[in-house]
């Protein structure tokens, strides 16, 4: 059980730090992020709502209060990471690894969530 708890908290903290950092980065460096979004084919008007959604997802996952909301937070991040990996793969910019790593960390956190909490 201790190994599962360590895996869960390591994955969840890594997931939280990566997601929170990207959400904050989206808010403070919006102009730079706009260029990245344009190069990936995404509309730029979703940057701020996506940043807010990422930050709220981290808060929801760490608080772990309402299970339906926690499930939605995990689902939202799952779709975000899958779409990011797909966009980077299609753009062939070599940044697929970060999205795939985030996806693996997310899946580990989700898998061990019910076993630990």
C-alpha atoms as a PDB file:
ATOM      1  CA  UNK A   1       0.000   0.000   0.000  1.00  0.00           C
ATOM      2  CA  UNK A   2       2.868   2.367   0.738  1.00  0.00           C
ATOM      3  CA  UNK A   3       4.199   1.987  -2.823  1.00  0.00           C
ATOM      4  CA  UNK A   4       0.768   2.805  -4.243  1.00  0.00           C
ATOM      5  CA  UNK A   5       0.485   5.851  -2.014  1.00  0.00           C
ATOM      6  CA  UNK A   6       3.932   7.061  -3.076  1.00  0.00           C
ATOM      7  CA  UNK A   7       3.131   6.493  -6.759  1.00  0.00           C
ATOM      8  CA  UNK A   8      -0.166   8.333  -6.418  1.00  0.00           C
ATOM      9  CA  UNK A   9       1.243  11.360  -4.623  1.00  0.00           C
ATOM     10  CA  UNK A  10       4.316  11.574  -6.846  1.00  0.00           C
ATOM     11  CA  UNK A  11       2.196  11.407  -9.998  1.00  0.00           C
ATOM     12  CA  UNK A  12      -0.430  13.794  -8.628  1.00  0.00           C
ATOM     13  CA  UNK A  13       2.123  16.364  -7.482  1.00  0.00           C
ATOM     14  CA  UNK A  14       3.982  16.182 -10.817  1.00  0.00           C
ATOM     15  CA  UNK A  15       0.676  16.511 -12.657  1.00  0.00           C
ATOM     16  CA  UNK A  16      -0.327  19.454 -10.474  1.00  0.00           C
ATOM     17  CA  UNK A  17       2.988  21.274 -10.857  1.00  0.00           C
ATOM     18  CA  UNK A  18       3.084  20.826 -14.641  1.00  0.00           C
ATOM     19  CA  UNK A  19      -0.533  21.825 -15.134  1.00  0.00           C
ATOM     20  CA  UNK A  20      -0.396  24.755 -12.723  1.00  0.00           C
ATOM     21  CA  UNK A  21       2.822  26.010 -14.306  1.00  0.00           C
ATOM     22  CA  UNK A  22       1.357  25.868 -17.798  1.00  0.00           C
ATOM     23  CA  UNK A  23      -1.852  27.577 -16.654  1.00  0.00           C
ATOM     24  CA  UNK A  24       0.072  30.402 -15.031  1.00  0.00           C
ATOM     25  CA  UNK A  25       2.375  30.652 -18.047  1.00  0.00           C
ATOM     26  CA  UNK A  26      -0.675  30.990 -20.304  1.00  0.00           C
ATOM     27  CA  UNK A  27      -1.829  33.930 -18.179  1.00  0.00           C
ATOM     28  CA  UNK A  28       1.451  35.819 -17.839  1.00  0.00           C
ATOM     29  CA  UNK A  29       2.897  35.187 -21.308  1.00  0.00           C
ATOM     30  CA  UNK A  30      -0.256  35.260 -23.378  1.00  0.00           C
ATOM     31  CA  UNK A  31       1.383  36.870 -26.416  1.00  0.00           C
ATOM     32  CA  UNK A  32       4.082  34.187 -26.661  1.00  0.00           C
ATOM     33  CA  UNK A  33       1.508  31.465 -26.166  1.00  0.00           C
ATOM     34  CA  UNK A  34      -0.633  32.972 -28.949  1.00  0.00           C
ATOM     35  CA  UNK A  35       2.180  32.362 -31.432  1.00  0.00           C
ATOM     36  CA  UNK A  36       2.509  28.760 -30.253  1.00  0.00           C
ATOM     37  CA  UNK A  37      -1.250  28.190 -30.532  1.00  0.00           C
ATOM     38  CA  UNK A  38      -1.295  29.652 -34.039  1.00  0.00           C
ATOM     39  CA  UNK A  39       1.563  27.394 -35.124  1.00  0.00           C
ATOM     40  CA  UNK A  40      -0.395  24.392 -33.848  1.00  0.00           C
ATOM     41  CA  UNK A  41      -3.587  25.484 -35.585  1.00  0.00           C
ATOM     42  CA  UNK A  42      -5.541  26.380 -32.440  1.00  0.00           C
ATOM     43  CA  UNK A  43      -7.604  29.564 -32.046  1.00  0.00           C
ATOM     44  CA  UNK A  44      -6.034  32.065 -29.661  1.00  0.00           C
ATOM     45  CA  UNK A  45      -9.238  33.056 -27.896  1.00  0.00           C
ATOM     46  CA  UNK A  46      -9.156  29.823 -25.861  1.00  0.00           C
ATOM     47  CA  UNK A  47      -5.860  30.600 -24.108  1.00  0.00           C
ATOM     48  CA  UNK A  48      -7.237  32.396 -21.040  1.00  0.00           C
ATOM     49  CA  UNK A  49     -10.225  30.051 -20.499  1.00  0.00           C
ATOM     50  CA  UNK A  50      -7.891  27.069 -20.887  1.00  0.00           C
ATOM     51  CA  UNK A  51      -5.492  28.563 -18.340  1.00  0.00           C
ATOM     52  CA  UNK A  52      -8.307  29.078 -15.848  1.00  0.00           C
ATOM     53  CA  UNK A  53      -9.627  25.557 -16.479  1.00  0.00           C
ATOM     54  CA  UNK A  54      -6.175  24.062 -15.857  1.00  0.00           C
ATOM     55  CA  UNK A  55      -5.784  25.924 -12.570  1.00  0.00           C
ATOM     56  CA  UNK A  56      -9.287  24.946 -11.426  1.00  0.00           C
ATOM     57  CA  UNK A  57      -8.626  21.311 -12.405  1.00  0.00           C
ATOM     58  CA  UNK A  58      -5.530  21.207 -10.195  1.00  0.00           C
ATOM     59  CA  UNK A  59      -7.434  22.691  -7.262  1.00  0.00           C
ATOM     60  CA  UNK A  60     -10.273  20.202  -7.775  1.00  0.00           C
ATOM     61  CA  UNK A  61      -7.979  17.180  -7.988  1.00  0.00           C
ATOM     62  CA  UNK A  62      -5.988  18.156  -4.909  1.00  0.00           C
ATOM     63  CA  UNK A  63      -9.077  18.973  -2.808  1.00  0.00           C
ATOM     64  CA  UNK A  64     -10.810  15.730  -3.862  1.00  0.00           C
ATOM     65  CA  UNK A  65     -14.206  16.818  -2.456  1.00  0.00           C
ATOM     66  CA  UNK A  66     -16.897  16.136  -5.067  1.00  0.00           C
ATOM     67  CA  UNK A  67     -16.111  12.947  -6.967  1.00  0.00           C
ATOM     68  CA  UNK A  68     -18.072  13.883 -10.091  1.00  0.00           C
ATOM     69  CA  UNK A  69     -16.161  17.155 -10.330  1.00  0.00           C
ATOM     70  CA  UNK A  70     -12.849  15.347  -9.760  1.00  0.00           C
ATOM     71  CA  UNK A  71     -13.735  12.940 -12.588  1.00  0.00           C
ATOM     72  CA  UNK A  72     -14.491  15.904 -14.868  1.00  0.00           C
ATOM     73  CA  UNK A  73     -11.174  17.527 -13.942  1.00  0.00           C
ATOM     74  CA  UNK A  74      -9.261  14.366 -14.848  1.00  0.00           C
ATOM     75  CA  UNK A  75     -11.271  14.033 -18.079  1.00  0.00           C
ATOM     76  CA  UNK A  76     -10.609  17.640 -19.056  1.00  0.00           C
ATOM     77  CA  UNK A  77      -6.879  17.257 -18.517  1.00  0.00           C
ATOM     78  CA  UNK A  78      -6.925  13.955 -20.407  1.00  0.00           C
ATOM     79  CA  UNK A  79      -8.466  15.607 -23.456  1.00  0.00           C
ATOM     80  CA  UNK A  80      -6.121  18.592 -23.137  1.00  0.00           C
ATOM     81  CA  UNK A  81      -3.037  16.359 -23.127  1.00  0.00           C
ATOM     82  CA  UNK A  82      -4.268  14.091 -25.936  1.00  0.00           C
ATOM     83  CA  UNK A  83      -5.130  17.085 -28.131  1.00  0.00           C
ATOM     84  CA  UNK A  84      -1.793  18.732 -27.316  1.00  0.00           C
ATOM     85  CA  UNK A  85       0.123  15.572 -28.232  1.00  0.00           C
ATOM     86  CA  UNK A  86      -1.839  15.248 -31.464  1.00  0.00           C
ATOM     87  CA  UNK A  87      -1.281  18.895 -32.390  1.00  0.00           C
ATOM     88  CA  UNK A  88       2.458  18.675 -31.724  1.00  0.00           C
ATOM     89  CA  UNK A  89       2.682  15.421 -33.665  1.00  0.00           C
ATOM     90  CA  UNK A  90       0.859  16.913 -36.663  1.00  0.00           C
ATOM     91  CA  UNK A  91       3.005  20.060 -36.514  1.00  0.00           C
ATOM     92  CA  UNK A  92       6.137  17.881 -36.301  1.00  0.00           C
ATOM     93  CA  UNK A  93       7.756  20.337 -33.918  1.00  0.00           C
ATOM     94  CA  UNK A  94       9.313  17.707 -31.642  1.00  0.00           C
ATOM     95  CA  UNK A  95       7.293  18.648 -28.548  1.00  0.00           C
ATOM     96  CA  UNK A  96       5.148  15.507 -28.391  1.00  0.00           C
ATOM     97  CA  UNK A  97       7.185  14.071 -25.521  1.00  0.00           C
ATOM     98  CA  UNK A  98       6.028  16.615 -22.947  1.00  0.00           C
ATOM     99  CA  UNK A  99       2.373  15.983 -23.697  1.00  0.00           C
ATOM    100  CA  UNK A 100       2.827  12.222 -23.617  1.00  0.00           C
ATOM    101  CA  UNK A 101       4.712  12.431 -20.320  1.00  0.00           C
ATOM    102  CA  UNK A 102       1.888  14.546 -18.860  1.00  0.00           C
ATOM    103  CA  UNK A 103      -0.607  11.968 -20.123  1.00  0.00           C
ATOM    104  CA  UNK A 104       1.266   9.088 -18.462  1.00  0.00           C
ATOM    105  CA  UNK A 105       1.490  11.011 -15.176  1.00  0.00           C
ATOM    106  CA  UNK A 106      -2.233  11.815 -15.398  1.00  0.00           C
ATOM    107  CA  UNK A 107      -3.127   8.166 -15.979  1.00  0.00           C
ATOM    108  CA  UNK A 108      -0.984   7.055 -13.034  1.00  0.00           C
ATOM    109  CA  UNK A 109      -2.600   9.625 -10.767  1.00  0.00           C
ATOM    110  CA  UNK A 110      -6.078   8.621 -11.908  1.00  0.00           C
ATOM    111  CA  UNK A 111      -5.413   4.890 -11.607  1.00  0.00           C
ATOM    112  CA  UNK A 112      -4.163   5.106  -8.024  1.00  0.00           C
ATOM    113  CA  UNK A 113      -6.636   7.788  -6.885  1.00  0.00           C
ATOM    114  CA  UNK A 114      -9.336   5.385  -5.687  1.00  0.00           C
ATOM    115  CA  UNK A 115      -6.851   2.966  -4.181  1.00  0.00           C
ATOM    116  CA  UNK A 116      -5.181   5.618  -2.043  1.00  0.00           C
ATOM    117  CA  UNK A 117      -7.820   8.222  -1.231  1.00  0.00           C
END
